[in-house]
Amino acid sequence: QVTIDEIYDDVDGGVVNGDVKNGLTNDNLPTFKGSAAAGATVEIYESFLTTTEKTLVGKTVADANGKWSFTPTEAMGDGLHYFEAHATDSAGNKSITPKVELDVDATA
């Protein structure tokens, strides 16, 4: 089962430094961290509340302990963003996280 455990803000001067999952951040390139089966491919998608449309933000592979992290290379614009992670393990089993919210305000 894949999880998004935290979305990490490491930009100084913001309202929060640390885990901003379901919160406000001034970091438009935060690091997503979570867990999945060891060796699973994890894809991070930006999703939308009103449609089933999703946009692939990037992907990574869970390490031997099942931990994964990903930092986008393209800055996010200000406003509400919704993300979900999809994982596929070595046997082809798939899992998807519930949506998590991130409110980006680069001046916060």
PDB file of N, CA and C in Angstrom:
ATOM      1  N   GLN A   1       0.843  -1.186   0.000  1.00  0.00           N
ATOM      2  CA  GLN A   1       0.000   0.000   0.000  1.00  0.00           C
ATOM      3  C   GLN A   1       0.885   1.245   0.000  1.00  0.00           C
ATOM      4  N   VAL A   2       0.713   2.115  -0.969  1.00  0.00           N
ATOM      5  CA  VAL A   2       1.504   3.333  -1.063  1.00  0.00           C
ATOM      6  C   VAL A   2       0.907   4.419  -0.168  1.00  0.00           C
ATOM      7  N   THR A   3       1.785   5.246   0.407  1.00  0.00           N
ATOM      8  CA  THR A   3       1.346   6.375   1.227  1.00  0.00           C
ATOM      9  C   THR A   3       2.131   7.622   0.846  1.00  0.00           C
ATOM     10  N   ILE A   4       1.515   8.772   1.057  1.00  0.00           N
ATOM     11  CA  ILE A   4       2.236  10.047   1.076  1.00  0.00           C
ATOM     12  C   ILE A   4       2.249  10.443   2.545  1.00  0.00           C
ATOM     13  N   ASP A   5       3.408  10.308   3.185  1.00  0.00           N
ATOM     14  CA  ASP A   5       3.504  10.564   4.616  1.00  0.00           C
ATOM     15  C   ASP A   5       3.700  12.037   4.927  1.00  0.00           C
ATOM     16  N   GLU A   6       4.421  12.734   4.070  1.00  0.00           N
ATOM     17  CA  GLU A   6       4.611  14.163   4.281  1.00  0.00           C
ATOM     18  C   GLU A   6       4.980  14.853   2.977  1.00  0.00           C
ATOM     19  N   ILE A   7       4.722  16.140   2.961  1.00  0.00           N
ATOM     20  CA  ILE A   7       5.195  17.018   1.891  1.00  0.00           C
ATOM     21  C   ILE A   7       6.049  18.048   2.611  1.00  0.00           C
ATOM     22  N   TYR A   8       7.347  18.042   2.323  1.00  0.00           N
ATOM     23  CA  TYR A   8       8.313  18.776   3.131  1.00  0.00           C
ATOM     24  C   TYR A   8       8.685  20.116   2.510  1.00  0.00           C
ATOM     25  N   ASP A   9       8.489  21.182   3.286  1.00  0.00           N
ATOM     26  CA  ASP A   9       8.852  22.553   2.917  1.00  0.00           C
ATOM     27  C   ASP A   9      10.216  22.846   3.527  1.00  0.00           C
ATOM     28  N   ASP A  10      11.200  23.172   2.676  1.00  0.00           N
ATOM     29  CA  ASP A  10      12.526  23.508   3.194  1.00  0.00           C
ATOM     30  C   ASP A  10      12.958  24.921   2.802  1.00  0.00           C
ATOM     31  N   VAL A  11      11.985  25.794   2.485  1.00  0.00           N
ATOM     32  CA  VAL A  11      12.286  27.181   2.140  1.00  0.00           C
ATOM     33  C   VAL A  11      12.181  28.022   3.407  1.00  0.00           C
ATOM     34  N   ASP A  12      13.259  28.719   3.748  1.00  0.00           N
ATOM     35  CA  ASP A  12      13.265  29.571   4.936  1.00  0.00           C
ATOM     36  C   ASP A  12      12.289  30.729   4.786  1.00  0.00           C
ATOM     37  N   GLY A  13      11.825  31.228   5.919  1.00  0.00           N
ATOM     38  CA  GLY A  13      11.008  32.429   5.934  1.00  0.00           C
ATOM     39  C   GLY A  13       9.529  32.208   5.765  1.00  0.00           C
ATOM     40  N   GLY A  14       9.111  30.982   5.605  1.00  0.00           N
ATOM     41  CA  GLY A  14       7.686  30.712   5.414  1.00  0.00           C
ATOM     42  C   GLY A  14       6.949  30.576   6.727  1.00  0.00           C
ATOM     43  N   VAL A  15       5.660  30.357   6.624  1.00  0.00           N
ATOM     44  CA  VAL A  15       4.852  30.171   7.823  1.00  0.00           C
ATOM     45  C   VAL A  15       5.166  28.841   8.497  1.00  0.00           C
ATOM     46  N   VAL A  16       5.604  27.866   7.715  1.00  0.00           N
ATOM     47  CA  VAL A  16       5.937  26.544   8.246  1.00  0.00           C
ATOM     48  C   VAL A  16       7.152  26.011   7.505  1.00  0.00           C
ATOM     49  N   ASN A  17       8.076  25.435   8.245  1.00  0.00           N
ATOM     50  CA  ASN A  17       9.132  24.633   7.643  1.00  0.00           C
ATOM     51  C   ASN A  17       8.945  23.239   8.206  1.00  0.00           C
ATOM     52  N   GLY A  18       8.934  22.248   7.328  1.00  0.00           N
ATOM     53  CA  GLY A  18       8.655  20.883   7.749  1.00  0.00           C
ATOM     54  C   GLY A  18       7.490  20.334   6.960  1.00  0.00           C
ATOM     55  N   ASP A  19       6.707  19.461   7.588  1.00  0.00           N
ATOM     56  CA  ASP A  19       5.599  18.793   6.910  1.00  0.00           C
ATOM     57  C   ASP A  19       4.438  19.765   6.694  1.00  0.00           C
ATOM     58  N   VAL A  20       4.075  19.971   5.426  1.00  0.00           N
ATOM     59  CA  VAL A  20       2.977  20.885   5.078  1.00  0.00           C
ATOM     60  C   VAL A  20       1.843  20.156   4.358  1.00  0.00           C
ATOM     61  N   LYS A  21       1.826  18.834   4.422  1.00  0.00           N
ATOM     62  CA  LYS A  21       0.751  18.062   3.784  1.00  0.00           C
ATOM     63  C   LYS A  21      -0.595  18.562   4.294  1.00  0.00           C
ATOM     64  N   ASN A  22      -1.513  18.820   3.359  1.00  0.00           N
ATOM     65  CA  ASN A  22      -2.835  19.374   3.670  1.00  0.00           C
ATOM     66  C   ASN A  22      -2.748  20.743   4.338  1.00  0.00           C
ATOM     67  N   GLY A  23      -1.708  21.518   3.981  1.00  0.00           N
ATOM     68  CA  GLY A  23      -1.529  22.835   4.577  1.00  0.00           C
ATOM     69  C   GLY A  23      -0.984  23.851   3.592  1.00  0.00           C
ATOM     70  N   LEU A  24      -0.455  24.941   4.141  1.00  0.00           N
ATOM     71  CA  LEU A  24       0.067  26.071   3.381  1.00  0.00           C
ATOM     72  C   LEU A  24       1.583  26.000   3.316  1.00  0.00           C
ATOM     73  N   THR A  25       2.150  26.341   2.150  1.00  0.00           N
ATOM     74  CA  THR A  25       3.598  26.355   1.986  1.00  0.00           C
ATOM     75  C   THR A  25       4.028  27.510   1.099  1.00  0.00           C
ATOM     76  N   ASN A  26       5.248  27.998   1.342  1.00  0.00           N
ATOM     77  CA  ASN A  26       5.853  28.973   0.433  1.00  0.00           C
ATOM     78  C   ASN A  26       6.873  28.285  -0.473  1.00  0.00           C
ATOM     79  N   ASP A  27       6.965  26.970  -0.385  1.00  0.00           N
ATOM     80  CA  ASP A  27       7.917  26.177  -1.168  1.00  0.00           C
ATOM     81  C   ASP A  27       7.201  25.639  -2.405  1.00  0.00           C
ATOM     82  N   ASN A  28       7.570  26.171  -3.584  1.00  0.00           N
ATOM     83  CA  ASN A  28       6.904  25.698  -4.804  1.00  0.00           C
ATOM     84  C   ASN A  28       7.601  24.484  -5.419  1.00  0.00           C
ATOM     85  N   LEU A  29       8.611  23.958  -4.719  1.00  0.00           N
ATOM     86  CA  LEU A  29       9.277  22.704  -5.095  1.00  0.00           C
ATOM     87  C   LEU A  29       9.455  21.838  -3.840  1.00  0.00           C
ATOM     88  N   PRO A  30       8.366  21.496  -3.158  1.00  0.00           N
ATOM     89  CA  PRO A  30       8.496  20.716  -1.927  1.00  0.00           C
ATOM     90  C   PRO A  30       8.852  19.261  -2.221  1.00  0.00           C
ATOM     91  N   THR A  31       9.370  18.584  -1.217  1.00  0.00           N
ATOM     92  CA  THR A  31       9.720  17.173  -1.357  1.00  0.00           C
ATOM     93  C   THR A  31       8.595  16.303  -0.805  1.00  0.00           C
ATOM     94  N   PHE A  32       8.110  15.394  -1.635  1.00  0.00           N
ATOM     95  CA  PHE A  32       7.092  14.425  -1.246  1.00  0.00           C
ATOM     96  C   PHE A  32       7.811  13.211  -0.673  1.00  0.00           C
ATOM     97  N   LYS A  33       7.330  12.698   0.461  1.00  0.00           N
ATOM     98  CA  LYS A  33       7.935  11.526   1.088  1.00  0.00           C
ATOM     99  C   LYS A  33       6.839  10.539   1.462  1.00  0.00           C
ATOM    100  N   GLY A  34       7.149   9.255   1.314  1.00  0.00           N
ATOM    101  CA  GLY A  34       6.153   8.254   1.659  1.00  0.00           C
ATOM    102  C   GLY A  34       6.736   6.866   1.725  1.00  0.00           C
ATOM    103  N   SER A  35       5.842   5.884   1.686  1.00  0.00           N
ATOM    104  CA  SER A  35       6.276   4.492   1.724  1.00  0.00           C
ATOM    105  C   SER A  35       5.472   3.677   0.719  1.00  0.00           C
ATOM    106  N   ALA A  36       6.062   2.575   0.313  1.00  0.00           N
ATOM    107  CA  ALA A  36       5.462   1.630  -0.634  1.00  0.00           C
ATOM    108  C   ALA A  36       6.240   0.329  -0.488  1.00  0.00           C
ATOM    109  N   ALA A  37       5.866  -0.674  -1.224  1.00  0.00           N
ATOM    110  CA  ALA A  37       6.628  -1.923  -1.209  1.00  0.00           C
ATOM    111  C   ALA A  37       8.049  -1.646  -1.699  1.00  0.00           C
ATOM    112  N   ALA A  38       9.028  -2.316  -1.099  1.00  0.00           N
ATOM    113  CA  ALA A  38      10.419  -2.149  -1.521  1.00  0.00           C
ATOM    114  C   ALA A  38      10.540  -2.398  -3.018  1.00  0.00           C
ATOM    115  N   GLY A  39      11.203  -1.484  -3.717  1.00  0.00           N
ATOM    116  CA  GLY A  39      11.414  -1.624  -5.154  1.00  0.00           C
ATOM    117  C   GLY A  39      10.244  -1.210  -6.024  1.00  0.00           C
ATOM    118  N   ALA A  40       9.135  -0.798  -5.408  1.00  0.00           N
ATOM    119  CA  ALA A  40       7.959  -0.381  -6.190  1.00  0.00           C
ATOM    120  C   ALA A  40       8.241   0.923  -6.924  1.00  0.00           C
ATOM    121  N   THR A  41       7.679   1.056  -8.106  1.00  0.00           N
ATOM    122  CA  THR A  41       7.728   2.316  -8.837  1.00  0.00           C
ATOM    123  C   THR A  41       6.585   3.182  -8.330  1.00  0.00           C
ATOM    124  N   VAL A  42       6.921   4.405  -7.928  1.00  0.00           N
ATOM    125  CA  VAL A  42       5.927   5.334  -7.390  1.00  0.00           C
ATOM    126  C   VAL A  42       5.811   6.515  -8.341  1.00  0.00           C
ATOM    127  N   GLU A  43       4.596   6.772  -8.801  1.00  0.00           N
ATOM    128  CA  GLU A  43       4.321   7.910  -9.677  1.00  0.00           C
ATOM    129  C   GLU A  43       3.484   8.920  -8.903  1.00  0.00           C
ATOM    130  N   ILE A  44       3.899  10.192  -8.953  1.00  0.00           N
ATOM    131  CA  ILE A  44       3.184  11.257  -8.267  1.00  0.00           C
ATOM    132  C   ILE A  44       2.393  12.033  -9.312  1.00  0.00           C
ATOM    133  N   TYR A  45       1.089  12.149  -9.075  1.00  0.00           N
ATOM    134  CA  TYR A  45       0.190  12.837  -9.999  1.00  0.00           C
ATOM    135  C   TYR A  45      -0.429  14.049  -9.325  1.00  0.00           C
ATOM    136  N   GLU A  46      -0.579  15.127 -10.106  1.00  0.00           N
ATOM    137  CA  GLU A  46      -1.453  16.208  -9.665  1.00  0.00           C
ATOM    138  C   GLU A  46      -2.837  15.840 -10.168  1.00  0.00           C
ATOM    139  N   SER A  47      -3.805  15.880  -9.272  1.00  0.00           N
ATOM    140  CA  SER A  47      -5.171  15.508  -9.637  1.00  0.00           C
ATOM    141  C   SER A  47      -6.092  16.698  -9.395  1.00  0.00           C
ATOM    142  N   PHE A  48      -7.329  16.545  -9.801  1.00  0.00           N
ATOM    143  CA  PHE A  48      -8.281  17.640  -9.725  1.00  0.00           C
ATOM    144  C   PHE A  48      -9.534  17.161  -9.011  1.00  0.00           C
ATOM    145  N   LEU A  49     -10.192  18.054  -8.293  1.00  0.00           N
ATOM    146  CA  LEU A  49     -11.371  17.666  -7.519  1.00  0.00           C
ATOM    147  C   LEU A  49     -12.584  17.399  -8.388  1.00  0.00           C
ATOM    148  N   THR A  50     -12.719  18.126  -9.485  1.00  0.00           N
ATOM    149  CA  THR A  50     -13.955  18.066 -10.261  1.00  0.00           C
ATOM    150  C   THR A  50     -13.906  17.135 -11.458  1.00  0.00           C
ATOM    151  N   THR A  51     -12.740  16.572 -11.768  1.00  0.00           N
ATOM    152  CA  THR A  51     -12.631  15.644 -12.891  1.00  0.00           C
ATOM    153  C   THR A  51     -11.753  14.473 -12.488  1.00  0.00           C
ATOM    154  N   THR A  52     -11.687  13.474 -13.347  1.00  0.00           N
ATOM    155  CA  THR A  52     -10.792  12.342 -13.102  1.00  0.00           C
ATOM    156  C   THR A  52      -9.441  12.560 -13.771  1.00  0.00           C
ATOM    157  N   GLU A  53      -9.261  13.717 -14.378  1.00  0.00           N
ATOM    158  CA  GLU A  53      -8.009  14.030 -15.065  1.00  0.00           C
ATOM    159  C   GLU A  53      -6.856  14.096 -14.063  1.00  0.00           C
ATOM    160  N   LYS A  54      -5.707  13.578 -14.477  1.00  0.00           N
ATOM    161  CA  LYS A  54      -4.496  13.604 -13.657  1.00  0.00           C
ATOM    162  C   LYS A  54      -3.312  13.960 -14.544  1.00  0.00           C
ATOM    163  N   THR A  55      -2.319  14.627 -13.964  1.00  0.00           N
ATOM    164  CA  THR A  55      -1.102  14.968 -14.682  1.00  0.00           C
ATOM    165  C   THR A  55       0.081  14.370 -13.933  1.00  0.00           C
ATOM    166  N   LEU A  56       0.898  13.581 -14.619  1.00  0.00           N
ATOM    167  CA  LEU A  56       2.083  12.994 -13.992  1.00  0.00           C
ATOM    168  C   LEU A  56       3.088  14.094 -13.677  1.00  0.00           C
ATOM    169  N   VAL A  57       3.464  14.195 -12.406  1.00  0.00           N
ATOM    170  CA  VAL A  57       4.449  15.179 -11.966  1.00  0.00           C
ATOM    171  C   VAL A  57       5.843  14.568 -12.029  1.00  0.00           C
ATOM    172  N   GLY A  58       5.949  13.281 -11.710  1.00  0.00           N
ATOM    173  CA  GLY A  58       7.229  12.597 -11.754  1.00  0.00           C
ATOM    174  C   GLY A  58       7.128  11.228 -11.119  1.00  0.00           C
ATOM    175  N   LYS A  59       8.253  10.510 -11.131  1.00  0.00           N
ATOM    176  CA  LYS A  59       8.243   9.179 -10.526  1.00  0.00           C
ATOM    177  C   LYS A  59       9.577   8.876  -9.883  1.00  0.00           C
ATOM    178  N   THR A  60       9.540   7.885  -9.001  1.00  0.00           N
ATOM    179  CA  THR A  60      10.712   7.459  -8.260  1.00  0.00           C
ATOM    180  C   THR A  60      10.527   5.983  -7.909  1.00  0.00           C
ATOM    181  N   VAL A  61      11.504   5.408  -7.220  1.00  0.00           N
ATOM    182  CA  VAL A  61      11.440   4.001  -6.814  1.00  0.00           C
ATOM    183  C   VAL A  61      11.644   3.922  -5.305  1.00  0.00           C
ATOM    184  N   ALA A  62      10.814   3.139  -4.635  1.00  0.00           N
ATOM    185  CA  ALA A  62      10.961   2.931  -3.197  1.00  0.00           C
ATOM    186  C   ALA A  62      12.247   2.155  -2.920  1.00  0.00           C
ATOM    187  N   ASP A  63      12.964   2.559  -1.867  1.00  0.00           N
ATOM    188  CA  ASP A  63      14.223   1.896  -1.534  1.00  0.00           C
ATOM    189  C   ASP A  63      13.965   0.537  -0.871  1.00  0.00           C
ATOM    190  N   ALA A  64      15.035  -0.128  -0.429  1.00  0.00           N
ATOM    191  CA  ALA A  64      14.928  -1.471   0.152  1.00  0.00           C
ATOM    192  C   ALA A  64      14.083  -1.492   1.424  1.00  0.00           C
ATOM    193  N   ASN A  65      13.950  -0.335   2.087  1.00  0.00           N
ATOM    194  CA  ASN A  65      13.123  -0.229   3.287  1.00  0.00           C
ATOM    195  C   ASN A  65      11.701   0.241   2.977  1.00  0.00           C
ATOM    196  N   GLY A  66      11.397   0.424   1.693  1.00  0.00           N
ATOM    197  CA  GLY A  66      10.064   0.855   1.299  1.00  0.00           C
ATOM    198  C   GLY A  66       9.843   2.352   1.370  1.00  0.00           C
ATOM    199  N   LYS A  67      10.897   3.120   1.589  1.00  0.00           N
ATOM    200  CA  LYS A  67      10.779   4.581   1.666  1.00  0.00           C
ATOM    201  C   LYS A  67      11.045   5.194   0.299  1.00  0.00           C
ATOM    202  N   TRP A  68      10.312   6.243  -0.024  1.00  0.00           N
ATOM    203  CA  TRP A  68      10.540   6.951  -1.277  1.00  0.00           C
ATOM    204  C   TRP A  68      10.445   8.455  -1.030  1.00  0.00           C
ATOM    205  N   SER A  69      11.096   9.219  -1.904  1.00  0.00           N
ATOM    206  CA  SER A  69      10.963  10.675  -1.873  1.00  0.00           C
ATOM    207  C   SER A  69      11.102  11.197  -3.290  1.00  0.00           C
ATOM    208  N   PHE A  70      10.490  12.339  -3.518  1.00  0.00           N
ATOM    209  CA  PHE A  70      10.487  12.942  -4.851  1.00  0.00           C
ATOM    210  C   PHE A  70      10.350  14.452  -4.704  1.00  0.00           C
ATOM    211  N   THR A  71      11.199  15.188  -5.423  1.00  0.00           N
ATOM    212  CA  THR A  71      11.099  16.642  -5.486  1.00  0.00           C
ATOM    213  C   THR A  71      10.844  17.032  -6.931  1.00  0.00           C
ATOM    214  N   PRO A  72       9.752  17.754  -7.203  1.00  0.00           N
ATOM    215  CA  PRO A  72       9.469  18.157  -8.585  1.00  0.00           C
ATOM    216  C   PRO A  72      10.583  19.035  -9.153  1.00  0.00           C
ATOM    217  N   THR A  73      10.724  19.019 -10.462  1.00  0.00           N
ATOM    218  CA  THR A  73      11.708  19.881 -11.121  1.00  0.00           C
ATOM    219  C   THR A  73      11.055  21.127 -11.698  1.00  0.00           C
ATOM    220  N   GLU A  74       9.726  21.114 -11.794  1.00  0.00           N
ATOM    221  CA  GLU A  74       8.991  22.261 -12.319  1.00  0.00           C
ATOM    222  C   GLU A  74       8.210  22.908 -11.179  1.00  0.00           C
ATOM    223  N   ALA A  75       8.463  24.207 -10.957  1.00  0.00           N
ATOM    224  CA  ALA A  75       7.820  24.919  -9.852  1.00  0.00           C
ATOM    225  C   ALA A  75       6.303  24.946 -10.007  1.00  0.00           C
ATOM    226  N   MET A  76       5.619  24.801  -8.886  1.00  0.00           N
ATOM    227  CA  MET A  76       4.158  24.874  -8.870  1.00  0.00           C
ATOM    228  C   MET A  76       3.721  26.324  -8.749  1.00  0.00           C
ATOM    229  N   GLY A  77       2.635  26.663  -9.402  1.00  0.00           N
ATOM    230  CA  GLY A  77       2.066  27.997  -9.269  1.00  0.00           C
ATOM    231  C   GLY A  77       1.343  28.147  -7.940  1.00  0.00           C
ATOM    232  N   ASP A  78       1.090  29.386  -7.553  1.00  0.00           N
ATOM    233  CA  ASP A  78       0.334  29.649  -6.335  1.00  0.00           C
ATOM    234  C   ASP A  78      -1.080  29.090  -6.459  1.00  0.00           C
ATOM    235  N   GLY A  79      -1.632  28.686  -5.339  1.00  0.00           N
ATOM    236  CA  GLY A  79      -3.003  28.186  -5.296  1.00  0.00           C
ATOM    237  C   GLY A  79      -3.063  26.768  -4.769  1.00  0.00           C
ATOM    238  N   LEU A  80      -4.284  26.229  -4.724  1.00  0.00           N
ATOM    239  CA  LEU A  80      -4.502  24.873  -4.224  1.00  0.00           C
ATOM    240  C   LEU A  80      -4.089  23.831  -5.255  1.00  0.00           C
ATOM    241  N   HIS A  81      -3.396  22.822  -4.789  1.00  0.00           N
ATOM    242  CA  HIS A  81      -2.987  21.692  -5.624  1.00  0.00           C
ATOM    243  C   HIS A  81      -3.384  20.418  -4.888  1.00  0.00           C
ATOM    244  N   TYR A  82      -3.733  19.396  -5.647  1.00  0.00           N
ATOM    245  CA  TYR A  82      -4.124  18.102  -5.085  1.00  0.00           C
ATOM    246  C   TYR A  82      -3.241  17.029  -5.708  1.00  0.00           C
ATOM    247  N   PHE A  83      -2.716  16.148  -4.870  1.00  0.00           N
ATOM    248  CA  PHE A  83      -1.780  15.135  -5.341  1.00  0.00           C
ATOM    249  C   PHE A  83      -2.207  13.755  -4.871  1.00  0.00           C
ATOM    250  N   GLU A  84      -1.801  12.761  -5.647  1.00  0.00           N
ATOM    251  CA  GLU A  84      -1.951  11.370  -5.238  1.00  0.00           C
ATOM    252  C   GLU A  84      -0.753  10.607  -5.770  1.00  0.00           C
ATOM    253  N   ALA A  85      -0.404   9.527  -5.084  1.00  0.00           N
ATOM    254  CA  ALA A  85       0.699   8.671  -5.513  1.00  0.00           C
ATOM    255  C   ALA A  85       0.129   7.330  -5.953  1.00  0.00           C
ATOM    256  N   HIS A  86       0.693   6.803  -7.026  1.00  0.00           N
ATOM    257  CA  HIS A  86       0.324   5.482  -7.545  1.00  0.00           C
ATOM    258  C   HIS A  86       1.581   4.620  -7.464  1.00  0.00           C
ATOM    259  N   ALA A  87       1.475   3.419  -6.938  1.00  0.00           N
ATOM    260  CA  ALA A  87       2.629   2.527  -6.844  1.00  0.00           C
ATOM    261  C   ALA A  87       2.333   1.217  -7.555  1.00  0.00           C
ATOM    262  N   THR A  88       3.365   0.684  -8.202  1.00  0.00           N
ATOM    263  CA  THR A  88       3.292  -0.635  -8.824  1.00  0.00           C
ATOM    264  C   THR A  88       4.468  -1.445  -8.303  1.00  0.00           C
ATOM    265  N   ASP A  89       4.186  -2.571  -7.640  1.00  0.00           N
ATOM    266  CA  ASP A  89       5.275  -3.386  -7.097  1.00  0.00           C
ATOM    267  C   ASP A  89       5.791  -4.366  -8.147  1.00  0.00           C
ATOM    268  N   SER A  90       6.795  -5.156  -7.760  1.00  0.00           N
ATOM    269  CA  SER A  90       7.452  -6.059  -8.715  1.00  0.00           C
ATOM    270  C   SER A  90       6.518  -7.142  -9.249  1.00  0.00           C
ATOM    271  N   ALA A  91       5.428  -7.440  -8.531  1.00  0.00           N
ATOM    272  CA  ALA A  91       4.460  -8.437  -8.995  1.00  0.00           C
ATOM    273  C   ALA A  91       3.362  -7.814  -9.860  1.00  0.00           C
ATOM    274  N   GLY A  92       3.429  -6.487 -10.040  1.00  0.00           N
ATOM    275  CA  GLY A  92       2.427  -5.803 -10.852  1.00  0.00           C
ATOM    276  C   GLY A  92       1.214  -5.322 -10.076  1.00  0.00           C
ATOM    277  N   ASN A  93       1.227  -5.506  -8.748  1.00  0.00           N
ATOM    278  CA  ASN A  93       0.124  -5.016  -7.921  1.00  0.00           C
ATOM    279  C   ASN A  93       0.171  -3.494  -7.846  1.00  0.00           C
ATOM    280  N   LYS A  94      -1.000  -2.868  -7.919  1.00  0.00           N
ATOM    281  CA  LYS A  94      -1.072  -1.409  -7.913  1.00  0.00           C
ATOM    282  C   LYS A  94      -1.837  -0.916  -6.697  1.00  0.00           C
ATOM    283  N   SER A  95      -1.428   0.255  -6.195  1.00  0.00           N
ATOM    284  CA  SER A  95      -2.174   0.920  -5.125  1.00  0.00           C
ATOM    285  C   SER A  95      -2.117   2.425  -5.361  1.00  0.00           C
ATOM    286  N   ILE A  96      -3.112   3.121  -4.823  1.00  0.00           N
ATOM    287  CA  ILE A  96      -3.239   4.567  -5.007  1.00  0.00           C
ATOM    288  C   ILE A  96      -3.564   5.191  -3.659  1.00  0.00           C
ATOM    289  N   THR A  97      -2.938   6.332  -3.363  1.00  0.00           N
ATOM    290  CA  THR A  97      -3.241   7.056  -2.131  1.00  0.00           C
ATOM    291  C   THR A  97      -4.510   7.882  -2.300  1.00  0.00           C
ATOM    292  N   PRO A  98      -5.144   8.241  -1.191  1.00  0.00           N
ATOM    293  CA  PRO A  98      -6.167   9.282  -1.269  1.00  0.00           C
ATOM    294  C   PRO A  98      -5.489  10.606  -1.664  1.00  0.00           C
ATOM    295  N   LYS A  99      -6.272  11.551  -2.163  1.00  0.00           N
ATOM    296  CA  LYS A  99      -5.727  12.862  -2.526  1.00  0.00           C
ATOM    297  C   LYS A  99      -5.253  13.596  -1.282  1.00  0.00           C
ATOM    298  N   VAL A 100      -4.130  14.301  -1.420  1.00  0.00           N
ATOM    299  CA  VAL A 100      -3.665  15.218  -0.383  1.00  0.00           C
ATOM    300  C   VAL A 100      -3.641  16.614  -0.993  1.00  0.00           C
ATOM    301  N   GLU A 101      -3.821  17.597  -0.148  1.00  0.00           N
ATOM    302  CA  GLU A 101      -3.934  18.986  -0.587  1.00  0.00           C
ATOM    303  C   GLU A 101      -2.676  19.756  -0.218  1.00  0.00           C
ATOM    304  N   LEU A 102      -2.317  20.705  -1.061  1.00  0.00           N
ATOM    305  CA  LEU A 102      -1.207  21.605  -0.779  1.00  0.00           C
ATOM    306  C   LEU A 102      -1.583  22.976  -1.309  1.00  0.00           C
ATOM    307  N   ASP A 103      -1.520  23.984  -0.438  1.00  0.00           N
ATOM    308  CA  ASP A 103      -1.825  25.362  -0.817  1.00  0.00           C
ATOM    309  C   ASP A 103      -0.502  26.106  -0.948  1.00  0.00           C
ATOM    310  N   VAL A 104      -0.112  26.412  -2.187  1.00  0.00           N
ATOM    311  CA  VAL A 104       1.161  27.077  -2.455  1.00  0.00           C
ATOM    312  C   VAL A 104       0.940  28.583  -2.500  1.00  0.00           C
ATOM    313  N   ASP A 105       1.742  29.298  -1.721  1.00  0.00           N
ATOM    314  CA  ASP A 105       1.766  30.762  -1.745  1.00  0.00           C
ATOM    315  C   ASP A 105       3.219  31.158  -1.565  1.00  0.00           C
ATOM    316  N   ALA A 106       3.891  31.446  -2.671  1.00  0.00           N
ATOM    317  CA  ALA A 106       5.334  31.695  -2.645  1.00  0.00           C
ATOM    318  C   ALA A 106       5.712  32.890  -1.783  1.00  0.00           C
ATOM    319  N   THR A 107       4.762  33.734  -1.425  1.00  0.00           N
ATOM    320  CA  THR A 107       5.072  34.883  -0.575  1.00  0.00           C
ATOM    321  C   THR A 107       4.653  34.673   0.877  1.00  0.00           C
ATOM    322  N   ALA A 108       4.102  33.506   1.200  1.00  0.00           N
ATOM    323  CA  ALA A 108       3.613  33.249   2.574  1.00  0.00           C
ATOM    324  C   ALA A 108       4.755  33.187   3.565  1.00  0.00           C
TER     325      ALA A 108
END
